[in-house]
């Protein structure tokens, strides 16, 4: 969850010659599957596409991310560039310690990912629905982990098997002081 203190009004401090916030609102945001689903149901297009989003679409997504109760409309109008930068950094954060080794033979799917596709993955992998409120990148990482763990073990080719066998034989000969 990201928490922002959005400045709604400022007042001038004459002693320090600076503006200070006089009224703020604490905005709590969550980049989750629920937010993506709400956005996609409104705009009827995939959120996770490479397509550039308009400022209206971005603002609408920030509104869907809000989990603070009763957020006044003016809060979204008063978001500063710094606030938007923090939101963008939060959305793009990895949110997990898990990493995957990318193999050169890995082919990226061209499937268009929508909220329903992710919900399908959750159902087919028995991921509980409370995970729909997790940070989206963390949820997608969990889906990848489940897929990796469910893959059958990779078959070893004959050369690798022979090399492994020679290595084991050499270790056993050394351990038993044998020549074969």
C-alpha atoms as a PDB file:
ATOM      1  CA  UNK A   1       0.000   0.000   0.000  1.00  0.00           C
ATOM      2  CA  UNK A   2       1.126   3.528  -0.786  1.00  0.00           C
ATOM      3  CA  UNK A   3       0.196   6.386   1.502  1.00  0.00           C
ATOM      4  CA  UNK A   4       0.367   9.976   0.266  1.00  0.00           C
ATOM      5  CA  UNK A   5      -0.346  13.163   2.183  1.00  0.00           C
ATOM      6  CA  UNK A   6      -1.978  15.285  -0.508  1.00  0.00           C
ATOM      7  CA  UNK A   7      -1.829  19.011   0.196  1.00  0.00           C
ATOM      8  CA  UNK A   8      -5.266  20.561  -0.305  1.00  0.00           C
ATOM      9  CA  UNK A   9      -4.571  24.069   1.049  1.00  0.00           C
ATOM     10  CA  UNK A  10      -1.469  26.042   1.986  1.00  0.00           C
ATOM     11  CA  UNK A  11      -0.859  29.139   4.053  1.00  0.00           C
ATOM     12  CA  UNK A  12       2.052  31.554   4.000  1.00  0.00           C
ATOM     13  CA  UNK A  13       4.322  31.699   7.074  1.00  0.00           C
ATOM     14  CA  UNK A  14       5.612  35.277   7.101  1.00  0.00           C
ATOM     15  CA  UNK A  15       8.318  34.613   9.706  1.00  0.00           C
ATOM     16  CA  UNK A  16       9.946  31.881   7.580  1.00  0.00           C
ATOM     17  CA  UNK A  17       8.788  33.299   4.224  1.00  0.00           C
ATOM     18  CA  UNK A  18       7.456  29.971   3.028  1.00  0.00           C
ATOM     19  CA  UNK A  19       4.211  28.207   2.226  1.00  0.00           C
ATOM     20  CA  UNK A  20       3.128  25.425   4.589  1.00  0.00           C
ATOM     21  CA  UNK A  21       0.316  22.914   4.197  1.00  0.00           C
ATOM     22  CA  UNK A  22      -2.725  23.949   6.213  1.00  0.00           C
ATOM     23  CA  UNK A  23      -5.013  21.123   5.109  1.00  0.00           C
ATOM     24  CA  UNK A  24      -3.993  17.673   3.820  1.00  0.00           C
ATOM     25  CA  UNK A  25      -5.673  14.376   3.048  1.00  0.00           C
ATOM     26  CA  UNK A  26      -3.998  11.013   3.577  1.00  0.00           C
ATOM     27  CA  UNK A  27      -4.653   9.035   0.412  1.00  0.00           C
ATOM     28  CA  UNK A  28      -4.118   5.274   0.583  1.00  0.00           C
ATOM     29  CA  UNK A  29      -3.587   3.507  -2.731  1.00  0.00           C
ATOM     30  CA  UNK A  30      -3.235  -0.142  -3.740  1.00  0.00           C
ATOM     31  CA  UNK A  31      -2.075  -1.293  -7.197  1.00  0.00           C
ATOM     32  CA  UNK A  32      -3.968  -4.564  -7.340  1.00  0.00           C
ATOM     33  CA  UNK A  33      -5.955  -6.858  -9.570  1.00  0.00           C
ATOM     34  CA  UNK A  34      -9.116  -5.277  -8.158  1.00  0.00           C
ATOM     35  CA  UNK A  35      -7.971  -1.833  -9.358  1.00  0.00           C
ATOM     36  CA  UNK A  36      -7.077  -3.155 -12.799  1.00  0.00           C
ATOM     37  CA  UNK A  37     -10.439  -4.904 -13.033  1.00  0.00           C
ATOM     38  CA  UNK A  38     -12.342  -1.698 -12.184  1.00  0.00           C
ATOM     39  CA  UNK A  39     -10.313   0.290 -14.738  1.00  0.00           C
ATOM     40  CA  UNK A  40     -10.842  -2.303 -17.482  1.00  0.00           C
ATOM     41  CA  UNK A  41     -14.583  -2.486 -16.820  1.00  0.00           C
ATOM     42  CA  UNK A  42     -14.809   1.289 -17.295  1.00  0.00           C
ATOM     43  CA  UNK A  43     -12.538   1.721 -20.337  1.00  0.00           C
ATOM     44  CA  UNK A  44     -13.210  -1.730 -21.855  1.00  0.00           C
ATOM     45  CA  UNK A  45      -9.608  -2.249 -22.931  1.00  0.00           C
ATOM     46  CA  UNK A  46      -6.602  -4.042 -21.379  1.00  0.00           C
ATOM     47  CA  UNK A  47      -4.774  -2.041 -18.726  1.00  0.00           C
ATOM     48  CA  UNK A  48      -1.542  -4.046 -18.983  1.00  0.00           C
ATOM     49  CA  UNK A  49      -1.026  -3.323 -22.694  1.00  0.00           C
ATOM     50  CA  UNK A  50       1.948  -1.364 -24.047  1.00  0.00           C
ATOM     51  CA  UNK A  51      -0.467   1.255 -25.366  1.00  0.00           C
ATOM     52  CA  UNK A  52       0.165   4.765 -24.003  1.00  0.00           C
ATOM     53  CA  UNK A  53      -2.503   5.931 -21.558  1.00  0.00           C
ATOM     54  CA  UNK A  54      -4.070   9.377 -21.623  1.00  0.00           C
ATOM     55  CA  UNK A  55      -3.923  11.648 -18.581  1.00  0.00           C
ATOM     56  CA  UNK A  56      -7.645  10.951 -18.031  1.00  0.00           C
ATOM     57  CA  UNK A  57      -6.998   7.182 -18.050  1.00  0.00           C
ATOM     58  CA  UNK A  58      -4.094   7.571 -15.621  1.00  0.00           C
ATOM     59  CA  UNK A  59      -6.169   9.749 -13.287  1.00  0.00           C
ATOM     60  CA  UNK A  60      -9.025   7.262 -13.458  1.00  0.00           C
ATOM     61  CA  UNK A  61      -6.653   4.412 -12.570  1.00  0.00           C
ATOM     62  CA  UNK A  62      -5.371   6.349  -9.554  1.00  0.00           C
ATOM     63  CA  UNK A  63      -9.004   6.740  -8.470  1.00  0.00           C
ATOM     64  CA  UNK A  64      -9.562   2.968  -8.772  1.00  0.00           C
ATOM     65  CA  UNK A  65      -6.459   2.394  -6.634  1.00  0.00           C
ATOM     66  CA  UNK A  66      -7.875   4.450  -3.747  1.00  0.00           C
ATOM     67  CA  UNK A  67      -8.708   2.374  -0.681  1.00  0.00           C
ATOM     68  CA  UNK A  68      -9.154   5.345   1.662  1.00  0.00           C
ATOM     69  CA  UNK A  69     -12.774   5.764   2.658  1.00  0.00           C
ATOM     70  CA  UNK A  70     -14.692   8.734   1.213  1.00  0.00           C
ATOM     71  CA  UNK A  71     -12.005  10.454  -0.825  1.00  0.00           C
ATOM     72  CA  UNK A  72     -13.067  13.979  -1.830  1.00  0.00           C
ATOM     73  CA  UNK A  73     -12.774  14.644  -5.589  1.00  0.00           C
ATOM     74  CA  UNK A  74     -10.451  17.595  -4.962  1.00  0.00           C
ATOM     75  CA  UNK A  75      -7.781  15.188  -3.640  1.00  0.00           C
ATOM     76  CA  UNK A  76      -7.204  13.814  -7.144  1.00  0.00           C
ATOM     77  CA  UNK A  77      -7.192  17.336  -8.612  1.00  0.00           C
ATOM     78  CA  UNK A  78      -4.503  18.410  -6.119  1.00  0.00           C
ATOM     79  CA  UNK A  79      -2.030  15.582  -6.796  1.00  0.00           C
ATOM     80  CA  UNK A  80       1.375  17.131  -7.410  1.00  0.00           C
ATOM     81  CA  UNK A  81       3.920  15.951  -9.987  1.00  0.00           C
ATOM     82  CA  UNK A  82       5.882  14.500  -7.068  1.00  0.00           C
ATOM     83  CA  UNK A  83       2.789  12.564  -5.912  1.00  0.00           C
ATOM     84  CA  UNK A  84       2.253  11.174  -9.431  1.00  0.00           C
ATOM     85  CA  UNK A  85       5.956  10.201  -9.617  1.00  0.00           C
ATOM     86  CA  UNK A  86       5.631   8.328  -6.292  1.00  0.00           C
ATOM     87  CA  UNK A  87       2.533   6.537  -7.589  1.00  0.00           C
ATOM     88  CA  UNK A  88       4.335   5.556 -10.803  1.00  0.00           C
ATOM     89  CA  UNK A  89       7.335   4.276  -8.837  1.00  0.00           C
ATOM     90  CA  UNK A  90       4.994   2.266  -6.584  1.00  0.00           C
ATOM     91  CA  UNK A  91       3.137   0.743  -9.559  1.00  0.00           C
ATOM     92  CA  UNK A  92       6.417  -0.336 -11.181  1.00  0.00           C
ATOM     93  CA  UNK A  93       7.990  -1.674  -7.970  1.00  0.00           C
ATOM     94  CA  UNK A  94       8.890  -5.372  -7.971  1.00  0.00           C
ATOM     95  CA  UNK A  95       7.458  -5.965  -4.457  1.00  0.00           C
ATOM     96  CA  UNK A  96       9.141  -9.342  -4.041  1.00  0.00           C
ATOM     97  CA  UNK A  97      12.546 -10.915  -3.487  1.00  0.00           C
ATOM     98  CA  UNK A  98      11.818 -13.620  -6.062  1.00  0.00           C
ATOM     99  CA  UNK A  99      13.628 -13.513  -9.382  1.00  0.00           C
ATOM    100  CA  UNK A 100      13.594 -15.712 -12.445  1.00  0.00           C
ATOM    101  CA  UNK A 101      16.517 -16.733 -14.619  1.00  0.00           C
ATOM    102  CA  UNK A 102      15.624 -15.756 -18.152  1.00  0.00           C
ATOM    103  CA  UNK A 103      16.819 -18.400 -20.559  1.00  0.00           C
ATOM    104  CA  UNK A 104      17.624 -17.352 -24.125  1.00  0.00           C
ATOM    105  CA  UNK A 105      15.176 -19.931 -25.483  1.00  0.00           C
ATOM    106  CA  UNK A 106      12.272 -18.413 -23.519  1.00  0.00           C
ATOM    107  CA  UNK A 107       9.645 -17.129 -25.921  1.00  0.00           C
ATOM    108  CA  UNK A 108       7.395 -14.389 -24.634  1.00  0.00           C
ATOM    109  CA  UNK A 109       3.698 -14.971 -25.141  1.00  0.00           C
ATOM    110  CA  UNK A 110       1.802 -12.469 -27.261  1.00  0.00           C
ATOM    111  CA  UNK A 111      -1.379 -13.129 -25.302  1.00  0.00           C
ATOM    112  CA  UNK A 112      -3.192  -9.972 -24.231  1.00  0.00           C
ATOM    113  CA  UNK A 113      -3.367 -10.024 -20.448  1.00  0.00           C
ATOM    114  CA  UNK A 114      -6.583  -8.741 -18.883  1.00  0.00           C
ATOM    115  CA  UNK A 115      -7.946  -8.941 -15.349  1.00  0.00           C
ATOM    116  CA  UNK A 116     -10.058 -11.950 -16.324  1.00  0.00           C
ATOM    117  CA  UNK A 117      -6.987 -13.822 -17.580  1.00  0.00           C
ATOM    118  CA  UNK A 118      -5.263 -13.215 -14.241  1.00  0.00           C
ATOM    119  CA  UNK A 119      -8.388 -14.339 -12.362  1.00  0.00           C
ATOM    120  CA  UNK A 120      -8.376 -17.496 -14.514  1.00  0.00           C
ATOM    121  CA  UNK A 121      -4.740 -18.123 -13.559  1.00  0.00           C
ATOM    122  CA  UNK A 122      -5.645 -17.687  -9.894  1.00  0.00           C
ATOM    123  CA  UNK A 123      -8.505 -20.177 -10.177  1.00  0.00           C
ATOM    124  CA  UNK A 124      -6.515 -22.769 -12.130  1.00  0.00           C
ATOM    125  CA  UNK A 125      -3.566 -22.517  -9.726  1.00  0.00           C
ATOM    126  CA  UNK A 126      -5.781 -22.533  -6.591  1.00  0.00           C
ATOM    127  CA  UNK A 127      -4.530 -19.095  -5.511  1.00  0.00           C
ATOM    128  CA  UNK A 128      -6.965 -17.722  -2.892  1.00  0.00           C
ATOM    129  CA  UNK A 129      -9.090 -14.748  -3.942  1.00  0.00           C
ATOM    130  CA  UNK A 130      -7.792 -12.564  -1.114  1.00  0.00           C
ATOM    131  CA  UNK A 131      -4.610 -12.302  -3.212  1.00  0.00           C
ATOM    132  CA  UNK A 132      -6.525 -10.086  -5.645  1.00  0.00           C
ATOM    133  CA  UNK A 133      -5.795  -7.260  -3.178  1.00  0.00           C
ATOM    134  CA  UNK A 134      -2.008  -7.827  -3.247  1.00  0.00           C
ATOM    135  CA  UNK A 135       0.269  -5.551  -5.220  1.00  0.00           C
ATOM    136  CA  UNK A 136      -0.257  -6.700  -8.809  1.00  0.00           C
ATOM    137  CA  UNK A 137       3.445  -7.392  -9.497  1.00  0.00           C
ATOM    138  CA  UNK A 138       3.614  -9.619  -6.422  1.00  0.00           C
ATOM    139  CA  UNK A 139       0.514 -11.548  -7.541  1.00  0.00           C
ATOM    140  CA  UNK A 140       1.923 -12.077 -11.035  1.00  0.00           C
ATOM    141  CA  UNK A 141       5.189 -13.299  -9.482  1.00  0.00           C
ATOM    142  CA  UNK A 142       3.202 -15.820  -7.417  1.00  0.00           C
ATOM    143  CA  UNK A 143       1.492 -17.037 -10.604  1.00  0.00           C
ATOM    144  CA  UNK A 144       4.918 -17.485 -12.258  1.00  0.00           C
ATOM    145  CA  UNK A 145       6.242 -19.364  -9.209  1.00  0.00           C
ATOM    146  CA  UNK A 146       3.216 -21.697  -9.234  1.00  0.00           C
ATOM    147  CA  UNK A 147       3.718 -22.349 -12.949  1.00  0.00           C
ATOM    148  CA  UNK A 148       7.429 -23.101 -12.452  1.00  0.00           C
ATOM    149  CA  UNK A 149       6.756 -25.419  -9.519  1.00  0.00           C
ATOM    150  CA  UNK A 150       4.055 -27.284 -11.453  1.00  0.00           C
ATOM    151  CA  UNK A 151       6.254 -27.962 -14.500  1.00  0.00           C
ATOM    152  CA  UNK A 152       7.425 -31.546 -14.938  1.00  0.00           C
ATOM    153  CA  UNK A 153      11.144 -32.015 -14.276  1.00  0.00           C
ATOM    154  CA  UNK A 154      13.301 -31.188 -17.269  1.00  0.00           C
ATOM    155  CA  UNK A 155      14.514 -34.280 -19.109  1.00  0.00           C
ATOM    156  CA  UNK A 156      18.291 -34.711 -19.215  1.00  0.00           C
ATOM    157  CA  UNK A 157      19.807 -35.466 -22.601  1.00  0.00           C
ATOM    158  CA  UNK A 158      22.116 -38.487 -23.099  1.00  0.00           C
ATOM    159  CA  UNK A 159      25.336 -36.423 -23.093  1.00  0.00           C
ATOM    160  CA  UNK A 160      24.510 -34.755 -19.781  1.00  0.00           C
ATOM    161  CA  UNK A 161      23.538 -38.113 -18.290  1.00  0.00           C
ATOM    162  CA  UNK A 162      26.816 -39.727 -19.434  1.00  0.00           C
ATOM    163  CA  UNK A 163      28.853 -36.787 -18.083  1.00  0.00           C
ATOM    164  CA  UNK A 164      27.066 -37.026 -14.732  1.00  0.00           C
ATOM    165  CA  UNK A 165      27.685 -40.795 -14.627  1.00  0.00           C
ATOM    166  CA  UNK A 166      31.422 -40.332 -15.374  1.00  0.00           C
ATOM    167  CA  UNK A 167      31.651 -37.722 -12.616  1.00  0.00           C
ATOM    168  CA  UNK A 168      29.953 -40.027 -10.091  1.00  0.00           C
ATOM    169  CA  UNK A 169      32.190 -42.952 -11.087  1.00  0.00           C
ATOM    170  CA  UNK A 170      35.312 -40.806 -10.676  1.00  0.00           C
ATOM    171  CA  UNK A 171      34.182 -39.705  -7.203  1.00  0.00           C
ATOM    172  CA  UNK A 172      33.456 -43.296  -6.153  1.00  0.00           C
ATOM    173  CA  UNK A 173      36.849 -44.531  -7.469  1.00  0.00           C
ATOM    174  CA  UNK A 174      38.581 -41.763  -5.526  1.00  0.00           C
ATOM    175  CA  UNK A 175      36.601 -42.528  -2.371  1.00  0.00           C
ATOM    176  CA  UNK A 176      37.374 -46.284  -2.507  1.00  0.00           C
ATOM    177  CA  UNK A 177      40.915 -45.980  -3.924  1.00  0.00           C
ATOM    178  CA  UNK A 178      39.901 -48.108  -6.863  1.00  0.00           C
ATOM    179  CA  UNK A 179      40.960 -48.048 -10.514  1.00  0.00           C
ATOM    180  CA  UNK A 180      37.632 -49.172 -11.822  1.00  0.00           C
END
